[in-house]
Amino acid sequence: MVSHRSTKGASKARRDHINHEIRNMRSLLPISQEDQERLSYLHSMAAICTYIRKSVLFQVHGVLSTLVTK
Protein backbone atom coordinates (compact mmCIF):
# COMPACT_ATOMS: atom_id res chain seq x y z
CA MET A 1 0.00 0.00 0.00
CA VAL A 2 1.44 3.34 -1.07
CA SER A 3 0.71 6.27 1.19
CA HIS A 4 0.27 9.64 -0.51
CA ARG A 5 0.88 12.26 2.12
CA SER A 6 0.50 15.86 1.13
CA THR A 7 3.05 18.39 2.17
CA LYS A 8 2.35 21.20 4.57
CA GLY A 9 2.73 23.67 1.70
CA ALA A 10 0.25 21.82 -0.51
CA SER A 11 -2.29 21.70 2.32
CA LYS A 12 -1.91 25.44 2.89
CA ALA A 13 -2.29 26.12 -0.83
CA ARG A 14 -5.53 24.09 -0.96
CA ARG A 15 -6.86 25.83 2.15
CA ASP A 16 -5.99 29.26 0.72
CA HIS A 17 -7.71 28.38 -2.56
CA ILE A 18 -10.87 27.22 -0.76
CA ASN A 19 -10.92 30.34 1.41
CA HIS A 20 -10.52 32.53 -1.68
CA GLU A 21 -13.43 30.81 -3.43
CA ILE A 22 -15.65 31.14 -0.34
CA ARG A 23 -14.85 34.88 -0.14
CA ASN A 24 -15.71 35.25 -3.85
CA MET A 25 -19.04 33.44 -3.47
CA ARG A 26 -19.84 35.33 -0.27
CA SER A 27 -19.37 38.63 -2.14
CA LEU A 28 -22.12 37.57 -4.57
CA LEU A 29 -24.72 37.16 -1.83
CA PRO A 30 -27.41 39.86 -1.77
CA ILE A 31 -26.51 41.00 1.76
CA SER A 32 -24.57 43.96 3.10
CA GLN A 33 -20.79 43.92 3.32
CA GLU A 34 -21.07 44.15 7.10
CA ASP A 35 -23.27 41.05 7.25
CA GLN A 36 -20.94 39.20 4.86
CA GLU A 37 -17.98 39.85 7.14
CA ARG A 38 -19.85 38.50 10.16
CA LEU A 39 -20.64 35.16 8.52
CA SER A 40 -18.48 32.21 9.45
CA TYR A 41 -17.36 29.98 6.61
CA LEU A 42 -19.98 27.40 7.59
CA HIS A 43 -22.74 30.03 7.62
CA SER A 44 -21.44 31.42 4.32
CA MET A 45 -21.66 28.01 2.66
CA ALA A 46 -25.17 27.47 4.02
CA ALA A 47 -26.31 30.89 2.73
CA ILE A 48 -24.64 30.33 -0.64
CA CYS A 49 -26.29 26.89 -1.05
CA THR A 50 -29.68 28.33 -0.08
CA TYR A 51 -29.30 31.23 -2.51
CA ILE A 52 -28.31 28.90 -5.36
CA ARG A 53 -31.20 26.51 -4.65
CA LYS A 54 -33.63 29.43 -4.47
CA SER A 55 -32.47 30.85 -7.79
CA VAL A 56 -32.67 27.42 -9.47
CA LEU A 57 -36.15 26.86 -8.02
CA PHE A 58 -37.38 30.22 -9.33
CA GLN A 59 -35.89 29.49 -12.77
CA VAL A 60 -37.68 26.14 -12.88
CA HIS A 61 -40.87 27.75 -11.58
CA GLY A 62 -40.65 30.42 -14.31
CA VAL A 63 -40.21 27.79 -17.01
CA LEU A 64 -43.10 25.74 -15.66
CA SER A 65 -45.43 28.75 -15.44
CA THR A 66 -44.69 29.70 -19.08
CA LEU A 67 -45.42 26.12 -20.13
CA VAL A 68 -48.72 26.10 -18.24
CA THR A 69 -49.88 29.43 -19.72
CA LYS A 70 -49.28 28.29 -23.32
C-alpha atoms as a PDB file:
ATOM      1  CA  MET A   1       0.000   0.000   0.000  1.00  0.00           C
ATOM      2  CA  VAL A   2       1.436   3.345  -1.069  1.00  0.00           C
ATOM      3  CA  SER A   3       0.708   6.266   1.188  1.00  0.00           C
ATOM      4  CA  HIS A   4       0.273   9.643  -0.510  1.00  0.00           C
ATOM      5  CA  ARG A   5       0.879  12.257   2.120  1.00  0.00           C
ATOM      6  CA  SER A   6       0.501  15.864   1.128  1.00  0.00           C
ATOM      7  CA  THR A   7       3.052  18.388   2.168  1.00  0.00           C
ATOM      8  CA  LYS A   8       2.349  21.198   4.566  1.00  0.00           C
ATOM      9  CA  GLY A   9       2.729  23.670   1.698  1.00  0.00           C
ATOM     10  CA  ALA A  10       0.246  21.815  -0.511  1.00  0.00           C
ATOM     11  CA  SER A  11      -2.291  21.702   2.322  1.00  0.00           C
ATOM     12  CA  LYS A  12      -1.906  25.441   2.895  1.00  0.00           C
ATOM     13  CA  ALA A  13      -2.293  26.124  -0.830  1.00  0.00           C
ATOM     14  CA  ARG A  14      -5.528  24.089  -0.958  1.00  0.00           C
ATOM     15  CA  ARG A  15      -6.862  25.828   2.146  1.00  0.00           C
ATOM     16  CA  ASP A  16      -5.989  29.262   0.715  1.00  0.00           C
ATOM     17  CA  HIS A  17      -7.710  28.378  -2.564  1.00  0.00           C
ATOM     18  CA  ILE A  18     -10.869  27.216  -0.761  1.00  0.00           C
ATOM     19  CA  ASN A  19     -10.920  30.341   1.412  1.00  0.00           C
ATOM     20  CA  HIS A  20     -10.518  32.532  -1.677  1.00  0.00           C
ATOM     21  CA  GLU A  21     -13.431  30.813  -3.426  1.00  0.00           C
ATOM     22  CA  ILE A  22     -15.647  31.139  -0.345  1.00  0.00           C
ATOM     23  CA  ARG A  23     -14.852  34.875  -0.142  1.00  0.00           C
ATOM     24  CA  ASN A  24     -15.714  35.249  -3.852  1.00  0.00           C
ATOM     25  CA  MET A  25     -19.045  33.440  -3.469  1.00  0.00           C
ATOM     26  CA  ARG A  26     -19.836  35.335  -0.274  1.00  0.00           C
ATOM     27  CA  SER A  27     -19.371  38.632  -2.136  1.00  0.00           C
ATOM     28  CA  LEU A  28     -22.118  37.573  -4.575  1.00  0.00           C
ATOM     29  CA  LEU A  29     -24.722  37.156  -1.833  1.00  0.00           C
ATOM     30  CA  PRO A  30     -27.415  39.865  -1.766  1.00  0.00           C
ATOM     31  CA  ILE A  31     -26.514  40.997   1.757  1.00  0.00           C
ATOM     32  CA  SER A  32     -24.571  43.964   3.101  1.00  0.00           C
ATOM     33  CA  GLN A  33     -20.787  43.922   3.321  1.00  0.00           C
ATOM     34  CA  GLU A  34     -21.071  44.150   7.103  1.00  0.00           C
ATOM     35  CA  ASP A  35     -23.269  41.047   7.248  1.00  0.00           C
ATOM     36  CA  GLN A  36     -20.942  39.202   4.863  1.00  0.00           C
ATOM     37  CA  GLU A  37     -17.980  39.853   7.142  1.00  0.00           C
ATOM     38  CA  ARG A  38     -19.846  38.499  10.161  1.00  0.00           C
ATOM     39  CA  LEU A  39     -20.636  35.165   8.518  1.00  0.00           C
ATOM     40  CA  SER A  40     -18.476  32.213   9.449  1.00  0.00           C
ATOM     41  CA  TYR A  41     -17.364  29.977   6.609  1.00  0.00           C
ATOM     42  CA  LEU A  42     -19.984  27.405   7.593  1.00  0.00           C
ATOM     43  CA  HIS A  43     -22.745  30.030   7.617  1.00  0.00           C
ATOM     44  CA  SER A  44     -21.443  31.416   4.324  1.00  0.00           C
ATOM     45  CA  MET A  45     -21.660  28.015   2.660  1.00  0.00           C
ATOM     46  CA  ALA A  46     -25.175  27.466   4.019  1.00  0.00           C
ATOM     47  CA  ALA A  47     -26.308  30.887   2.732  1.00  0.00           C
ATOM     48  CA  ILE A  48     -24.639  30.327  -0.640  1.00  0.00           C
ATOM     49  CA  CYS A  49     -26.287  26.895  -1.047  1.00  0.00           C
ATOM     50  CA  THR A  50     -29.677  28.331  -0.078  1.00  0.00           C
ATOM     51  CA  TYR A  51     -29.296  31.228  -2.511  1.00  0.00           C
ATOM     52  CA  ILE A  52     -28.313  28.895  -5.361  1.00  0.00           C
ATOM     53  CA  ARG A  53     -31.204  26.512  -4.645  1.00  0.00           C
ATOM     54  CA  LYS A  54     -33.633  29.428  -4.473  1.00  0.00           C
ATOM     55  CA  SER A  55     -32.465  30.845  -7.794  1.00  0.00           C
ATOM     56  CA  VAL A  56     -32.673  27.419  -9.467  1.00  0.00           C
ATOM     57  CA  LEU A  57     -36.146  26.865  -8.020  1.00  0.00           C
ATOM     58  CA  PHE A  58     -37.378  30.216  -9.333  1.00  0.00           C
ATOM     59  CA  GLN A  59     -35.889  29.493 -12.771  1.00  0.00           C
ATOM     60  CA  VAL A  60     -37.679  26.136 -12.883  1.00  0.00           C
ATOM     61  CA  HIS A  61     -40.875  27.748 -11.580  1.00  0.00           C
ATOM     62  CA  GLY A  62     -40.648  30.416 -14.306  1.00  0.00           C
ATOM     63  CA  VAL A  63     -40.208  27.793 -17.009  1.00  0.00           C
ATOM     64  CA  LEU A  64     -43.101  25.738 -15.659  1.00  0.00           C
ATOM     65  CA  SER A  65     -45.426  28.746 -15.436  1.00  0.00           C
ATOM     66  CA  THR A  66     -44.694  29.697 -19.079  1.00  0.00           C
ATOM     67  CA  LEU A  67     -45.416  26.117 -20.132  1.00  0.00           C
ATOM     68  CA  VAL A  68     -48.717  26.103 -18.235  1.00  0.00           C
ATOM     69  CA  THR A  69     -49.882  29.431 -19.717  1.00  0.00           C
ATOM     70  CA  LYS A  70     -49.277  28.290 -23.315  1.00  0.00           C
END
